[in-house]
Amino acid sequence: MRRQLFWLRVYVTVSSLALVIVATAAFRQAAPAPQNLGEITVERINVVDRNGTLRMVISNKDRQHPGVLDGVTADRPRPEAGLLFFNDKGDEVGGLLYHGRAQNGGHSAGASFTFDQWRQDQTIALRYGEVNNQRSAALEMWDRSEQPVSEFLTRFNAAMKIADPQQREAALNAAQATAPPAFQRVYLGKTPDQATSLSLADARGKPRLTLTVDATGNPRIEFLDQNGKVTKRVP
């Protein structure tokens, strides 16, 4: 009897340990094995951190993310396909967007690659735009306010909920008037009139030095005062 009780205790102990191990393994989330899908067709892909924070969106124009800052999501359509990036706190911080469509007997197309300032809008952008063969392409840089864009988004979203069209338009204009200021400091690009230009501005966004080659190939350098008056031109 003693020998039987001893082996019975051993059996119970071993069985209990095995049960604990199996239960632990069952509840532990195993890392999924990498898969080679070859080709997939989707309308949108959300890439998230392990804690669920959104970090990247790849989407078509119909399901594109409208943008979010400080937990405030913009109440707007964003009919452009592309790729958007989000930082550690889930704020949108720029991305690559593009479109191109035929309309009213003509066409329009465009693309932008932008980098956003902390809690603000883009501070660097690479842009291309075209409407009926009138094309522009540029590298642009801005100084942005320290005021978060989320404060403007809250007023913008409230205005978008107004049913009356005239009242909604008035509220949108009022919200826009309180938007944080932005000053373009650098423009380097090609304009629709076939000129190429480099413009450097002061801290208030006033161009102070421009280098231009016009459509006929004539180059010039202009120095401007704070009121936009040309003080010197070469040649």
Protein backbone atom coordinates (compact mmCIF):
# COMPACT_ATOMS: atom_id res chain seq x y z
CA MET A 1 0.00 0.00 0.00
CA ARG A 2 2.80 2.38 0.87
CA ARG A 3 4.49 1.67 -2.43
CA GLN A 4 1.23 2.22 -4.32
CA LEU A 5 0.57 5.51 -2.48
CA PHE A 6 4.11 6.66 -3.29
CA TRP A 7 3.68 6.04 -7.01
CA LEU A 8 0.22 7.56 -6.89
CA ARG A 9 1.70 10.76 -5.43
CA VAL A 10 4.40 10.75 -8.10
CA TYR A 11 1.76 10.35 -10.80
CA VAL A 12 -0.40 13.18 -9.43
CA THR A 13 2.61 15.50 -9.12
CA VAL A 14 3.87 14.81 -12.63
CA SER A 15 0.36 15.13 -14.10
CA SER A 16 -0.15 18.47 -12.35
CA LEU A 17 3.15 19.84 -13.65
CA ALA A 18 2.31 18.69 -17.16
CA LEU A 19 -1.11 20.33 -16.93
CA VAL A 20 0.46 23.64 -15.82
CA ILE A 21 2.97 23.54 -18.68
CA VAL A 22 0.29 22.78 -21.27
CA ALA A 23 -2.02 25.50 -19.93
CA THR A 24 0.78 28.08 -19.92
CA ALA A 25 1.75 27.21 -23.48
CA ALA A 26 -1.87 27.43 -24.60
CA PHE A 27 -2.37 30.92 -23.20
CA ARG A 28 0.98 32.27 -24.29
CA GLN A 29 0.65 34.14 -27.60
CA ALA A 30 3.09 32.62 -30.01
CA ALA A 31 4.71 34.89 -32.62
CA PRO A 32 3.14 34.18 -35.99
CA ALA A 33 5.38 32.50 -38.47
CA PRO A 34 6.42 34.67 -41.44
CA GLN A 35 4.24 34.09 -44.47
CA ASN A 36 5.01 34.61 -48.12
CA LEU A 37 1.67 35.63 -49.62
CA GLY A 38 3.07 36.29 -53.06
CA GLU A 39 0.39 38.82 -54.05
CA ILE A 40 -2.52 40.38 -52.17
CA THR A 41 -5.22 42.86 -53.18
CA VAL A 42 -6.41 45.22 -50.46
CA GLU A 43 -7.99 48.66 -50.11
CA ARG A 44 -6.09 49.66 -46.96
CA ILE A 45 -3.36 48.33 -44.67
CA ASN A 46 -2.84 49.62 -41.10
CA VAL A 47 0.56 49.00 -39.50
CA VAL A 48 0.48 49.21 -35.68
CA ASP A 49 2.88 48.81 -32.78
CA ARG A 50 2.47 45.87 -30.41
CA ASN A 51 0.37 48.14 -28.14
CA GLY A 52 -1.98 49.00 -31.01
CA THR A 53 -0.64 52.51 -31.78
CA LEU A 54 -1.13 53.29 -35.47
CA ARG A 55 2.23 53.87 -37.20
CA MET A 56 1.56 53.66 -40.94
CA VAL A 57 -1.38 53.53 -43.36
CA ILE A 58 -1.24 52.38 -46.98
CA SER A 59 -4.58 53.16 -48.61
CA ASN A 60 -6.52 53.83 -51.76
CA LYS A 61 -8.24 57.20 -52.21
CA ASP A 62 -11.59 56.01 -50.86
CA ARG A 63 -10.32 54.80 -47.48
CA GLN A 64 -7.43 57.17 -46.81
CA HIS A 65 -6.90 58.28 -43.21
CA PRO A 66 -8.06 61.94 -42.75
CA GLY A 67 -5.26 62.81 -40.30
CA VAL A 68 -5.10 62.94 -36.49
CA LEU A 69 -3.27 65.07 -33.91
CA ASP A 70 -3.47 64.88 -30.11
CA GLY A 71 -6.30 62.38 -30.50
CA VAL A 72 -8.36 64.78 -32.67
CA THR A 73 -9.21 63.23 -36.06
CA ALA A 74 -9.92 65.66 -38.90
CA ASP A 75 -13.54 65.57 -40.09
CA ARG A 76 -12.79 65.70 -43.81
CA PRO A 77 -12.51 63.51 -46.89
CA ARG A 78 -9.01 62.88 -48.20
CA PRO A 79 -9.43 61.41 -51.68
CA GLU A 80 -5.78 60.66 -52.38
CA ALA A 81 -4.07 57.30 -52.45
CA GLY A 82 -0.73 56.85 -50.78
CA LEU A 83 1.23 56.24 -47.61
CA LEU A 84 0.92 58.10 -44.28
CA PHE A 85 3.24 57.94 -41.26
CA PHE A 86 2.38 58.33 -37.55
CA ASN A 87 4.69 58.93 -34.60
CA ASP A 88 4.93 57.12 -31.24
CA LYS A 89 1.88 58.93 -29.84
CA GLY A 90 -0.26 58.25 -32.92
CA ASP A 91 -0.05 61.72 -34.53
CA GLU A 92 0.21 61.92 -38.30
CA VAL A 93 3.66 63.19 -39.31
CA GLY A 94 3.52 63.31 -43.10
CA GLY A 95 3.60 60.89 -45.97
CA LEU A 96 3.41 60.32 -49.69
CA LEU A 97 0.11 61.14 -51.44
CA TYR A 98 -0.74 61.27 -55.14
CA HIS A 99 -3.66 61.62 -57.54
CA GLY A 100 -4.39 61.99 -61.24
CA ARG A 101 -7.73 62.22 -62.96
CA ALA A 102 -9.40 63.31 -66.19
CA GLN A 103 -12.14 65.89 -65.65
CA ASN A 104 -14.25 68.31 -67.72
CA GLY A 105 -12.33 67.56 -70.90
CA GLY A 106 -9.00 68.18 -69.17
CA HIS A 107 -6.97 66.61 -66.41
CA SER A 108 -5.29 67.27 -63.09
CA ALA A 109 -2.53 65.41 -61.29
CA GLY A 110 -0.34 65.87 -58.29
CA ALA A 111 1.90 64.27 -55.71
CA SER A 112 3.50 65.34 -52.44
CA PHE A 113 6.05 63.91 -50.03
CA THR A 114 5.80 65.78 -46.72
CA PHE A 115 7.44 65.82 -43.29
CA ASP A 116 5.46 67.36 -40.42
CA GLN A 117 6.67 69.39 -37.48
CA TRP A 118 5.91 68.08 -33.96
CA ARG A 119 2.16 68.61 -33.31
CA GLN A 120 1.99 70.77 -36.44
CA ASP A 121 1.71 70.63 -40.22
CA GLN A 122 4.40 70.02 -42.83
CA THR A 123 7.74 71.77 -42.47
CA ILE A 124 9.32 70.18 -45.57
CA ALA A 125 7.52 69.18 -48.77
CA LEU A 126 8.41 67.90 -52.20
CA ARG A 127 5.49 68.66 -54.51
CA TYR A 128 4.33 68.21 -58.09
CA GLY A 129 1.12 69.61 -59.56
CA GLU A 130 -0.47 69.81 -62.98
CA VAL A 131 -3.73 71.16 -64.41
CA ASN A 132 -4.26 70.86 -68.18
CA ASN A 133 -0.52 70.81 -68.95
CA GLN A 134 0.28 73.73 -66.63
CA ARG A 135 2.90 72.12 -64.38
CA SER A 136 4.82 73.04 -61.28
CA ALA A 137 7.29 71.13 -59.15
CA ALA A 138 9.11 72.33 -56.06
CA LEU A 139 10.94 71.73 -52.81
CA GLU A 140 9.42 73.92 -50.05
CA MET A 141 10.24 74.60 -46.39
CA TRP A 142 8.23 76.42 -43.71
CA ASP A 143 8.53 77.82 -40.22
CA ARG A 144 5.55 76.66 -38.16
CA SER A 145 3.99 77.94 -34.97
CA GLU A 146 4.45 76.22 -31.60
CA GLN A 147 0.64 76.24 -31.29
CA PRO A 148 -0.67 72.69 -31.90
CA VAL A 149 -2.83 72.15 -34.97
CA SER A 150 -5.23 70.11 -32.81
CA GLU A 151 -6.73 73.34 -31.44
CA PHE A 152 -7.63 74.38 -35.00
CA LEU A 153 -8.89 70.86 -35.82
CA THR A 154 -11.34 71.00 -32.90
CA ARG A 155 -12.87 74.23 -34.25
CA PHE A 156 -12.80 72.88 -37.80
CA ASN A 157 -14.64 69.70 -36.81
CA ALA A 158 -17.30 71.70 -34.94
CA ALA A 159 -17.85 73.85 -38.04
CA MET A 160 -18.18 70.78 -40.28
CA LYS A 161 -21.12 69.55 -38.17
CA ILE A 162 -23.22 72.65 -38.92
CA ALA A 163 -26.08 71.70 -41.26
CA ASP A 164 -26.80 75.13 -42.79
CA PRO A 165 -24.35 75.67 -45.71
CA GLN A 166 -23.93 79.42 -45.17
CA GLN A 167 -23.43 79.10 -41.43
CA ARG A 168 -21.01 76.22 -41.97
CA GLU A 169 -18.99 78.28 -44.45
CA ALA A 170 -18.84 81.21 -42.04
CA ALA A 171 -17.74 78.95 -39.19
CA LEU A 172 -15.06 77.35 -41.38
CA ASN A 173 -13.72 80.79 -42.34
CA ALA A 174 -13.67 81.80 -38.67
CA ALA A 175 -11.80 78.62 -37.77
CA GLN A 176 -9.32 79.18 -40.60
CA ALA A 177 -8.64 82.69 -39.33
CA THR A 178 -7.44 81.22 -36.03
CA ALA A 179 -5.18 78.61 -37.65
CA PRO A 180 -1.54 78.76 -36.51
CA PRO A 181 0.55 80.90 -38.89
CA ALA A 182 3.07 79.38 -41.28
CA PHE A 183 5.87 81.17 -43.11
CA GLN A 184 7.49 79.75 -46.22
CA ARG A 185 11.26 80.17 -45.91
CA VAL A 186 12.53 78.31 -48.99
CA TYR A 187 11.08 77.64 -52.44
CA LEU A 188 13.09 75.88 -55.12
CA GLY A 189 11.19 74.82 -58.18
CA LYS A 190 9.65 75.21 -61.58
CA THR A 191 6.59 77.42 -62.03
CA PRO A 192 3.72 76.96 -64.54
CA ASP A 193 5.14 79.81 -66.68
CA GLN A 194 8.24 77.64 -67.36
CA ALA A 195 10.54 79.66 -65.10
CA THR A 196 12.80 78.12 -62.49
CA SER A 197 13.34 79.96 -59.24
CA LEU A 198 15.01 79.87 -55.83
CA SER A 199 13.40 82.14 -53.23
CA LEU A 200 14.78 82.66 -49.72
CA ALA A 201 12.53 84.43 -47.21
CA ASP A 202 12.94 86.01 -43.79
CA ALA A 203 11.34 84.81 -40.55
CA ARG A 204 8.02 86.47 -41.53
CA GLY A 205 7.89 84.70 -44.89
CA LYS A 206 8.89 87.80 -46.90
CA PRO A 207 11.10 86.91 -49.91
CA ARG A 208 14.45 88.69 -49.55
CA LEU A 209 16.57 87.00 -52.21
CA THR A 210 15.46 85.36 -55.46
CA LEU A 211 17.41 83.66 -58.25
CA THR A 212 15.39 83.16 -61.41
CA VAL A 213 15.81 81.83 -64.94
CA ASP A 214 12.74 82.78 -66.98
CA ALA A 215 11.12 80.83 -69.81
CA THR A 216 13.33 82.52 -72.41
CA GLY A 217 16.52 81.60 -70.56
CA ASN A 218 17.29 85.00 -69.03
CA PRO A 219 18.81 84.77 -65.52
CA ARG A 220 18.51 87.38 -62.77
CA ILE A 221 19.20 87.85 -59.09
CA GLU A 222 16.99 90.17 -57.02
CA PHE A 223 17.41 91.53 -53.50
CA LEU A 224 14.21 92.70 -51.79
CA ASP A 225 13.40 94.68 -48.67
CA GLN A 226 10.87 93.64 -46.03
CA ASN A 227 8.05 95.25 -48.04
CA GLY A 228 8.83 93.24 -51.19
CA LYS A 229 10.48 96.13 -53.05
CA VAL A 230 13.46 95.18 -55.20
CA THR A 231 16.51 97.07 -53.91
CA LYS A 232 19.03 95.53 -56.30
CA ARG A 233 18.82 93.45 -59.46
CA VAL A 234 21.63 91.63 -61.27
CA PRO A 235 22.08 92.08 -64.16
